[in-house]
Amino acid sequence: METISTSQLRTKSSDLIKTLTNGGNVSLIHRSRKVGVIVPTADLSSPIHPLANVAELKKIIGNHSKLRLLSQNQREKNYAKHLLSKYG
């Protein structure tokens, strides 16, 4: 098992990734004390895709089009009214 200090996390992150993808564990050292162990995840074969749940995204977009959107002029009027009521 390899060791890495907290200050080396920034400089040797690529080495840490290589070790974890090869299935190795890495001990984390902070101020000369072992504070934890970094272990790889169980399933590295399938990366998480940002559009994994397309149906849910379409549902969110569909609901967004039904919202009553305000124009920039109306937003400025509402904000001015709010400032006037809050601060006088």
PDB file of N, CA and C in Angstrom:
ATOM      1  N   MET A   1       0.850  -1.176   0.000  1.00  0.00           N
ATOM      2  CA  MET A   1       0.000   0.000   0.000  1.00  0.00           C
ATOM      3  C   MET A   1       0.892   1.235   0.000  1.00  0.00           C
ATOM      4  N   GLU A   2       0.594   2.175  -0.864  1.00  0.00           N
ATOM      5  CA  GLU A   2       1.362   3.406  -0.980  1.00  0.00           C
ATOM      6  C   GLU A   2       0.840   4.442   0.001  1.00  0.00           C
ATOM      7  N   THR A   3       1.645   5.476   0.234  1.00  0.00           N
ATOM      8  CA  THR A   3       1.230   6.576   1.096  1.00  0.00           C
ATOM      9  C   THR A   3       1.324   7.878   0.317  1.00  0.00           C
ATOM     10  N   ILE A   4       0.473   8.828   0.694  1.00  0.00           N
ATOM     11  CA  ILE A   4       0.493  10.151   0.078  1.00  0.00           C
ATOM     12  C   ILE A   4       0.124  11.149   1.162  1.00  0.00           C
ATOM     13  N   SER A   5       0.821  12.280   1.190  1.00  0.00           N
ATOM     14  CA  SER A   5       0.515  13.304   2.184  1.00  0.00           C
ATOM     15  C   SER A   5      -0.559  14.240   1.627  1.00  0.00           C
ATOM     16  N   THR A   6      -1.140  15.018   2.526  1.00  0.00           N
ATOM     17  CA  THR A   6      -2.199  15.930   2.088  1.00  0.00           C
ATOM     18  C   THR A   6      -1.652  17.006   1.159  1.00  0.00           C
ATOM     19  N   SER A   7      -0.397  17.417   1.347  1.00  0.00           N
ATOM     20  CA  SER A   7       0.179  18.421   0.447  1.00  0.00           C
ATOM     21  C   SER A   7       0.513  17.827  -0.918  1.00  0.00           C
ATOM     22  N   GLN A   8       0.733  16.513  -0.994  1.00  0.00           N
ATOM     23  CA  GLN A   8       1.033  15.872  -2.266  1.00  0.00           C
ATOM     24  C   GLN A   8      -0.225  15.564  -3.077  1.00  0.00           C
ATOM     25  N   LEU A   9      -1.387  15.725  -2.490  1.00  0.00           N
ATOM     26  CA  LEU A   9      -2.627  15.445  -3.221  1.00  0.00           C
ATOM     27  C   LEU A   9      -2.747  16.320  -4.467  1.00  0.00           C
ATOM     28  N   ARG A  10      -2.301  17.572  -4.371  1.00  0.00           N
ATOM     29  CA  ARG A  10      -2.376  18.473  -5.524  1.00  0.00           C
ATOM     30  C   ARG A  10      -1.334  18.135  -6.574  1.00  0.00           C
ATOM     31  N   THR A  11      -0.116  17.825  -6.129  1.00  0.00           N
ATOM     32  CA  THR A  11       0.976  17.657  -7.087  1.00  0.00           C
ATOM     33  C   THR A  11       1.032  16.264  -7.691  1.00  0.00           C
ATOM     34  N   LYS A  12       0.577  15.269  -6.971  1.00  0.00           N
ATOM     35  CA  LYS A  12       0.674  13.895  -7.456  1.00  0.00           C
ATOM     36  C   LYS A  12      -0.697  13.260  -7.679  1.00  0.00           C
ATOM     37  N   SER A  13      -1.650  14.063  -8.111  1.00  0.00           N
ATOM     38  CA  SER A  13      -2.996  13.533  -8.316  1.00  0.00           C
ATOM     39  C   SER A  13      -3.042  12.521  -9.456  1.00  0.00           C
ATOM     40  N   SER A  14      -2.221  12.720 -10.486  1.00  0.00           N
ATOM     41  CA  SER A  14      -2.229  11.764 -11.598  1.00  0.00           C
ATOM     42  C   SER A  14      -1.697  10.405 -11.147  1.00  0.00           C
ATOM     43  N   ASP A  15      -0.682  10.398 -10.274  1.00  0.00           N
ATOM     44  CA  ASP A  15      -0.176   9.130  -9.735  1.00  0.00           C
ATOM     45  C   ASP A  15      -1.231   8.450  -8.868  1.00  0.00           C
ATOM     46  N   LEU A  16      -1.977   9.253  -8.120  1.00  0.00           N
ATOM     47  CA  LEU A  16      -3.047   8.712  -7.278  1.00  0.00           C
ATOM     48  C   LEU A  16      -4.118   8.054  -8.139  1.00  0.00           C
ATOM     49  N   ILE A  17      -4.491   8.696  -9.237  1.00  0.00           N
ATOM     50  CA  ILE A  17      -5.504   8.141 -10.136  1.00  0.00           C
ATOM     51  C   ILE A  17      -5.026   6.833 -10.748  1.00  0.00           C
ATOM     52  N   LYS A  18      -3.759   6.791 -11.168  1.00  0.00           N
ATOM     53  CA  LYS A  18      -3.213   5.561 -11.745  1.00  0.00           C
ATOM     54  C   LYS A  18      -3.251   4.419 -10.741  1.00  0.00           C
ATOM     55  N   THR A  19      -2.871   4.711  -9.495  1.00  0.00           N
ATOM     56  CA  THR A  19      -2.870   3.675  -8.463  1.00  0.00           C
ATOM     57  C   THR A  19      -4.278   3.165  -8.204  1.00  0.00           C
ATOM     58  N   LEU A  20      -5.235   4.081  -8.136  1.00  0.00           N
ATOM     59  CA  LEU A  20      -6.616   3.679  -7.861  1.00  0.00           C
ATOM     60  C   LEU A  20      -7.222   2.903  -9.027  1.00  0.00           C
ATOM     61  N   THR A  21      -6.913   3.290 -10.266  1.00  0.00           N
ATOM     62  CA  THR A  21      -7.460   2.549 -11.406  1.00  0.00           C
ATOM     63  C   THR A  21      -6.850   1.161 -11.525  1.00  0.00           C
ATOM     64  N   ASN A  22      -5.646   0.984 -11.001  1.00  0.00           N
ATOM     65  CA  ASN A  22      -5.027  -0.343 -10.981  1.00  0.00           C
ATOM     66  C   ASN A  22      -5.500  -1.183  -9.799  1.00  0.00           C
ATOM     67  N   GLY A  23      -6.378  -0.624  -8.966  1.00  0.00           N
ATOM     68  CA  GLY A  23      -6.943  -1.379  -7.855  1.00  0.00           C
ATOM     69  C   GLY A  23      -6.180  -1.259  -6.557  1.00  0.00           C
ATOM     70  N   GLY A  24      -5.241  -0.348  -6.469  1.00  0.00           N
ATOM     71  CA  GLY A  24      -4.441  -0.202  -5.256  1.00  0.00           C
ATOM     72  C   GLY A  24      -5.071   0.728  -4.242  1.00  0.00           C
ATOM     73  N   ASN A  25      -4.701   0.543  -2.986  1.00  0.00           N
ATOM     74  CA  ASN A  25      -5.134   1.414  -1.897  1.00  0.00           C
ATOM     75  C   ASN A  25      -4.015   2.390  -1.576  1.00  0.00           C
ATOM     76  N   VAL A  26      -4.378   3.582  -1.117  1.00  0.00           N
ATOM     77  CA  VAL A  26      -3.395   4.605  -0.781  1.00  0.00           C
ATOM     78  C   VAL A  26      -3.712   5.132   0.609  1.00  0.00           C
ATOM     79  N   SER A  27      -2.697   5.152   1.484  1.00  0.00           N
ATOM     80  CA  SER A  27      -2.865   5.714   2.823  1.00  0.00           C
ATOM     81  C   SER A  27      -2.687   7.222   2.757  1.00  0.00           C
ATOM     82  N   LEU A  28      -3.534   7.947   3.458  1.00  0.00           N
ATOM     83  CA  LEU A  28      -3.457   9.402   3.500  1.00  0.00           C
ATOM     84  C   LEU A  28      -2.786   9.821   4.800  1.00  0.00           C
ATOM     85  N   ILE A  29      -1.693  10.583   4.683  1.00  0.00           N
ATOM     86  CA  ILE A  29      -0.905  11.016   5.828  1.00  0.00           C
ATOM     87  C   ILE A  29      -1.095  12.517   6.013  1.00  0.00           C
ATOM     88  N   HIS A  30      -1.374  12.938   7.255  1.00  0.00           N
ATOM     89  CA  HIS A  30      -1.483  14.361   7.591  1.00  0.00           C
ATOM     90  C   HIS A  30      -0.720  14.602   8.882  1.00  0.00           C
ATOM     91  N   ARG A  31       0.292  15.463   8.804  1.00  0.00           N
ATOM     92  CA  ARG A  31       1.144  15.787   9.949  1.00  0.00           C
ATOM     93  C   ARG A  31       1.711  14.533  10.606  1.00  0.00           C
ATOM     94  N   SER A  32       2.287  13.679   9.790  1.00  0.00           N
ATOM     95  CA  SER A  32       2.973  12.443  10.199  1.00  0.00           C
ATOM     96  C   SER A  32       2.049  11.418  10.842  1.00  0.00           C
ATOM     97  N   ARG A  33       0.750  11.558  10.650  1.00  0.00           N
ATOM     98  CA  ARG A  33      -0.194  10.571  11.180  1.00  0.00           C
ATOM     99  C   ARG A  33      -1.075  10.068  10.056  1.00  0.00           C
ATOM    100  N   LYS A  34      -1.364   8.792  10.075  1.00  0.00           N
ATOM    101  CA  LYS A  34      -2.257   8.207   9.082  1.00  0.00           C
ATOM    102  C   LYS A  34      -3.686   8.581   9.462  1.00  0.00           C
ATOM    103  N   VAL A  35      -4.361   9.286   8.559  1.00  0.00           N
ATOM    104  CA  VAL A  35      -5.718   9.742   8.847  1.00  0.00           C
ATOM    105  C   VAL A  35      -6.774   8.977   8.064  1.00  0.00           C
ATOM    106  N   GLY A  36      -6.365   8.206   7.064  1.00  0.00           N
ATOM    107  CA  GLY A  36      -7.353   7.454   6.311  1.00  0.00           C
ATOM    108  C   GLY A  36      -6.732   6.662   5.189  1.00  0.00           C
ATOM    109  N   VAL A  37      -7.587   5.916   4.524  1.00  0.00           N
ATOM    110  CA  VAL A  37      -7.172   5.100   3.390  1.00  0.00           C
ATOM    111  C   VAL A  37      -8.077   5.443   2.215  1.00  0.00           C
ATOM    112  N   ILE A  38      -7.477   5.720   1.072  1.00  0.00           N
ATOM    113  CA  ILE A  38      -8.228   5.995  -0.149  1.00  0.00           C
ATOM    114  C   ILE A  38      -8.294   4.693  -0.931  1.00  0.00           C
ATOM    115  N   VAL A  39      -9.513   4.227  -1.186  1.00  0.00           N
ATOM    116  CA  VAL A  39      -9.706   2.956  -1.889  1.00  0.00           C
ATOM    117  C   VAL A  39     -10.471   3.223  -3.182  1.00  0.00           C
ATOM    118  N   PRO A  40     -10.248   2.412  -4.213  1.00  0.00           N
ATOM    119  CA  PRO A  40     -10.988   2.605  -5.466  1.00  0.00           C
ATOM    120  C   PRO A  40     -12.439   2.169  -5.313  1.00  0.00           C
ATOM    121  N   THR A  41     -13.297   2.688  -6.179  1.00  0.00           N
ATOM    122  CA  THR A  41     -14.691   2.273  -6.152  1.00  0.00           C
ATOM    123  C   THR A  41     -14.810   0.855  -6.683  1.00  0.00           C
ATOM    124  N   ALA A  42     -15.928   0.236  -6.398  1.00  0.00           N
ATOM    125  CA  ALA A  42     -16.116  -1.161  -6.785  1.00  0.00           C
ATOM    126  C   ALA A  42     -16.259  -1.317  -8.294  1.00  0.00           C
ATOM    127  N   ASP A  43     -16.951  -0.375  -8.949  1.00  0.00           N
ATOM    128  CA  ASP A  43     -17.226  -0.511 -10.380  1.00  0.00           C
ATOM    129  C   ASP A  43     -16.586   0.640 -11.145  1.00  0.00           C
ATOM    130  N   LEU A  44     -15.464   0.387 -11.789  1.00  0.00           N
ATOM    131  CA  LEU A  44     -14.803   1.401 -12.600  1.00  0.00           C
ATOM    132  C   LEU A  44     -15.087   1.230 -14.082  1.00  0.00           C
ATOM    133  N   SER A  45     -15.823   0.177 -14.438  1.00  0.00           N
ATOM    134  CA  SER A  45     -16.016  -0.135 -15.851  1.00  0.00           C
ATOM    135  C   SER A  45     -16.979   0.819 -16.545  1.00  0.00           C
ATOM    136  N   SER A  46     -18.007   1.288 -15.850  1.00  0.00           N
ATOM    137  CA  SER A  46     -18.994   2.141 -16.502  1.00  0.00           C
ATOM    138  C   SER A  46     -18.929   3.549 -15.923  1.00  0.00           C
ATOM    139  N   PRO A  47     -18.466   4.517 -16.702  1.00  0.00           N
ATOM    140  CA  PRO A  47     -18.432   5.891 -16.212  1.00  0.00           C
ATOM    141  C   PRO A  47     -19.842   6.463 -16.111  1.00  0.00           C
ATOM    142  N   ILE A  48     -20.010   7.411 -15.236  1.00  0.00           N
ATOM    143  CA  ILE A  48     -21.315   8.049 -15.052  1.00  0.00           C
ATOM    144  C   ILE A  48     -21.511   9.058 -16.178  1.00  0.00           C
ATOM    145  N   HIS A  49     -22.572   8.882 -16.921  1.00  0.00           N
ATOM    146  CA  HIS A  49     -22.867   9.767 -18.041  1.00  0.00           C
ATOM    147  C   HIS A  49     -23.750  10.904 -17.539  1.00  0.00           C
ATOM    148  N   PRO A  50     -23.451  12.154 -17.899  1.00  0.00           N
ATOM    149  CA  PRO A  50     -24.250  13.270 -17.395  1.00  0.00           C
ATOM    150  C   PRO A  50     -25.691  13.260 -17.894  1.00  0.00           C
ATOM    151  N   LEU A  51     -25.956  12.602 -19.007  1.00  0.00           N
ATOM    152  CA  LEU A  51     -27.321  12.544 -19.526  1.00  0.00           C
ATOM    153  C   LEU A  51     -27.914  11.156 -19.344  1.00  0.00           C
ATOM    154  N   ALA A  52     -27.623  10.526 -18.207  1.00  0.00           N
ATOM    155  CA  ALA A  52     -28.068   9.161 -17.967  1.00  0.00           C
ATOM    156  C   ALA A  52     -29.587   9.075 -17.887  1.00  0.00           C
ATOM    157  N   ASN A  53     -30.218  10.069 -17.317  1.00  0.00           N
ATOM    158  CA  ASN A  53     -31.658  10.025 -17.152  1.00  0.00           C
ATOM    159  C   ASN A  53     -32.297  11.076 -18.063  1.00  0.00           C
ATOM    160  N   VAL A  54     -32.361  10.780 -19.335  1.00  0.00           N
ATOM    161  CA  VAL A  54     -32.853  11.722 -20.333  1.00  0.00           C
ATOM    162  C   VAL A  54     -34.339  12.007 -20.143  1.00  0.00           C
ATOM    163  N   ALA A  55     -35.095  11.012 -19.736  1.00  0.00           N
ATOM    164  CA  ALA A  55     -36.539  11.213 -19.551  1.00  0.00           C
ATOM    165  C   ALA A  55     -36.806  12.249 -18.460  1.00  0.00           C
ATOM    166  N   GLU A  56     -36.040  12.192 -17.395  1.00  0.00           N
ATOM    167  CA  GLU A  56     -36.232  13.155 -16.307  1.00  0.00           C
ATOM    168  C   GLU A  56     -35.843  14.564 -16.757  1.00  0.00           C
ATOM    169  N   LEU A  57     -34.784  14.677 -17.549  1.00  0.00           N
ATOM    170  CA  LEU A  57     -34.390  15.983 -18.064  1.00  0.00           C
ATOM    171  C   LEU A  57     -35.450  16.563 -18.994  1.00  0.00           C
ATOM    172  N   LYS A  58     -36.041  15.734 -19.837  1.00  0.00           N
ATOM    173  CA  LYS A  58     -37.102  16.209 -20.722  1.00  0.00           C
ATOM    174  C   LYS A  58     -38.306  16.681 -19.918  1.00  0.00           C
ATOM    175  N   LYS A  59     -38.583  15.988 -18.821  1.00  0.00           N
ATOM    176  CA  LYS A  59     -39.695  16.373 -17.953  1.00  0.00           C
ATOM    177  C   LYS A  59     -39.429  17.739 -17.323  1.00  0.00           C
ATOM    178  N   ILE A  60     -38.194  17.975 -16.887  1.00  0.00           N
ATOM    179  CA  ILE A  60     -37.836  19.258 -16.285  1.00  0.00           C
ATOM    180  C   ILE A  60     -37.927  20.375 -17.317  1.00  0.00           C
ATOM    181  N   ILE A  61     -37.431  20.124 -18.506  1.00  0.00           N
ATOM    182  CA  ILE A  61     -37.476  21.132 -19.564  1.00  0.00           C
ATOM    183  C   ILE A  61     -38.913  21.421 -19.967  1.00  0.00           C
ATOM    184  N   GLY A  62     -39.743  20.394 -20.009  1.00  0.00           N
ATOM    185  CA  GLY A  62     -41.146  20.585 -20.353  1.00  0.00           C
ATOM    186  C   GLY A  62     -41.865  21.443 -19.335  1.00  0.00           C
ATOM    187  N   ASN A  63     -41.565  21.252 -18.057  1.00  0.00           N
ATOM    188  CA  ASN A  63     -42.177  22.065 -17.012  1.00  0.00           C
ATOM    189  C   ASN A  63     -41.675  23.502 -17.070  1.00  0.00           C
ATOM    190  N   HIS A  64     -40.452  23.689 -17.502  1.00  0.00           N
ATOM    191  CA  HIS A  64     -39.883  25.032 -17.564  1.00  0.00           C
ATOM    192  C   HIS A  64     -40.595  25.887 -18.606  1.00  0.00           C
ATOM    193  N   SER A  65     -41.015  25.293 -19.686  1.00  0.00           N
ATOM    194  CA  SER A  65     -41.676  26.069 -20.727  1.00  0.00           C
ATOM    195  C   SER A  65     -43.059  26.541 -20.283  1.00  0.00           C
ATOM    196  N   LYS A  66     -43.635  25.911 -19.269  1.00  0.00           N
ATOM    197  CA  LYS A  66     -44.956  26.302 -18.792  1.00  0.00           C
ATOM    198  C   LYS A  66     -44.889  27.441 -17.772  1.00  0.00           C
ATOM    199  N   LEU A  67     -43.670  27.785 -17.319  1.00  0.00           N
ATOM    200  CA  LEU A  67     -43.532  28.847 -16.335  1.00  0.00           C
ATOM    201  C   LEU A  67     -43.868  30.194 -16.951  1.00  0.00           C
ATOM    202  N   ARG A  68     -44.336  31.084 -16.112  1.00  0.00           N
ATOM    203  CA  ARG A  68     -44.639  32.434 -16.561  1.00  0.00           C
ATOM    204  C   ARG A  68     -43.374  33.271 -16.391  1.00  0.00           C
ATOM    205  N   LEU A  69     -42.680  33.533 -17.462  1.00  0.00           N
ATOM    206  CA  LEU A  69     -41.429  34.265 -17.394  1.00  0.00           C
ATOM    207  C   LEU A  69     -41.692  35.759 -17.479  1.00  0.00           C
ATOM    208  N   LEU A  70     -40.908  36.529 -16.723  1.00  0.00           N
ATOM    209  CA  LEU A  70     -41.047  37.977 -16.710  1.00  0.00           C
ATOM    210  C   LEU A  70     -40.037  38.604 -17.651  1.00  0.00           C
ATOM    211  N   SER A  71     -40.429  39.733 -18.214  1.00  0.00           N
ATOM    212  CA  SER A  71     -39.495  40.467 -19.057  1.00  0.00           C
ATOM    213  C   SER A  71     -38.484  41.192 -18.166  1.00  0.00           C
ATOM    214  N   GLN A  72     -37.398  41.654 -18.761  1.00  0.00           N
ATOM    215  CA  GLN A  72     -36.366  42.368 -18.010  1.00  0.00           C
ATOM    216  C   GLN A  72     -36.944  43.642 -17.398  1.00  0.00           C
ATOM    217  N   ASN A  73     -37.796  44.325 -18.138  1.00  0.00           N
ATOM    218  CA  ASN A  73     -38.413  45.556 -17.655  1.00  0.00           C
ATOM    219  C   ASN A  73     -39.289  45.278 -16.433  1.00  0.00           C
ATOM    220  N   GLN A  74     -40.069  44.203 -16.485  1.00  0.00           N
ATOM    221  CA  GLN A  74     -40.943  43.862 -15.364  1.00  0.00           C
ATOM    222  C   GLN A  74     -40.119  43.451 -14.142  1.00  0.00           C
ATOM    223  N   ARG A  75     -39.015  42.720 -14.359  1.00  0.00           N
ATOM    224  CA  ARG A  75     -38.150  42.339 -13.238  1.00  0.00           C
ATOM    225  C   ARG A  75     -37.548  43.565 -12.567  1.00  0.00           C
ATOM    226  N   GLU A  76     -37.125  44.549 -13.373  1.00  0.00           N
ATOM    227  CA  GLU A  76     -36.558  45.777 -12.810  1.00  0.00           C
ATOM    228  C   GLU A  76     -37.600  46.541 -12.000  1.00  0.00           C
ATOM    229  N   LYS A  77     -38.852  46.587 -12.482  1.00  0.00           N
ATOM    230  CA  LYS A  77     -39.921  47.254 -11.740  1.00  0.00           C
ATOM    231  C   LYS A  77     -40.181  46.544 -10.413  1.00  0.00           C
ATOM    232  N   ASN A  78     -40.227  45.205 -10.449  1.00  0.00           N
ATOM    233  CA  ASN A  78     -40.459  44.445  -9.219  1.00  0.00           C
ATOM    234  C   ASN A  78     -39.326  44.656  -8.218  1.00  0.00           C
ATOM    235  N   TYR A  79     -38.094  44.688  -8.707  1.00  0.00           N
ATOM    236  CA  TYR A  79     -36.945  44.877  -7.835  1.00  0.00           C
ATOM    237  C   TYR A  79     -36.955  46.274  -7.221  1.00  0.00           C
ATOM    238  N   ALA A  80     -37.276  47.280  -8.026  1.00  0.00           N
ATOM    239  CA  ALA A  80     -37.348  48.650  -7.517  1.00  0.00           C
ATOM    240  C   ALA A  80     -38.440  48.770  -6.461  1.00  0.00           C
ATOM    241  N   LYS A  81     -39.566  48.128  -6.689  1.00  0.00           N
ATOM    242  CA  LYS A  81     -40.665  48.135  -5.721  1.00  0.00           C
ATOM    243  C   LYS A  81     -40.239  47.461  -4.422  1.00  0.00           C
ATOM    244  N   HIS A  82     -39.510  46.358  -4.540  1.00  0.00           N
ATOM    245  CA  HIS A  82     -39.022  45.646  -3.362  1.00  0.00           C
ATOM    246  C   HIS A  82     -38.042  46.514  -2.567  1.00  0.00           C
ATOM    247  N   LEU A  83     -37.109  47.172  -3.267  1.00  0.00           N
ATOM    248  CA  LEU A  83     -36.140  48.028  -2.584  1.00  0.00           C
ATOM    249  C   LEU A  83     -36.829  49.198  -1.893  1.00  0.00           C
ATOM    250  N   LEU A  84     -37.837  49.752  -2.550  1.00  0.00           N
ATOM    251  CA  LEU A  84     -38.564  50.873  -1.967  1.00  0.00           C
ATOM    252  C   LEU A  84     -39.306  50.451  -0.709  1.00  0.00           C
ATOM    253  N   SER A  85     -39.922  49.273  -0.738  1.00  0.00           N
ATOM    254  CA  SER A  85     -40.660  48.817   0.443  1.00  0.00           C
ATOM    255  C   SER A  85     -39.715  48.389   1.567  1.00  0.00           C
ATOM    256  N   LYS A  86     -38.551  47.878   1.238  1.00  0.00           N
ATOM    257  CA  LYS A  86     -37.627  47.409   2.270  1.00  0.00           C
ATOM    258  C   LYS A  86     -36.839  48.558   2.900  1.00  0.00           C
ATOM    259  N   TYR A  87     -36.344  49.470   2.072  1.00  0.00           N
ATOM    260  CA  TYR A  87     -35.465  50.517   2.572  1.00  0.00           C
ATOM    261  C   TYR A  87     -36.103  51.905   2.605  1.00  0.00           C
ATOM    262  N   GLY A  88     -37.279  52.037   2.030  1.00  0.00           N
ATOM    263  CA  GLY A  88     -37.985  53.293   2.102  1.00  0.00           C
ATOM    264  C   GLY A  88     -37.674  54.307   1.106  1.00  0.00           C
TER     265      GLY A  88
END
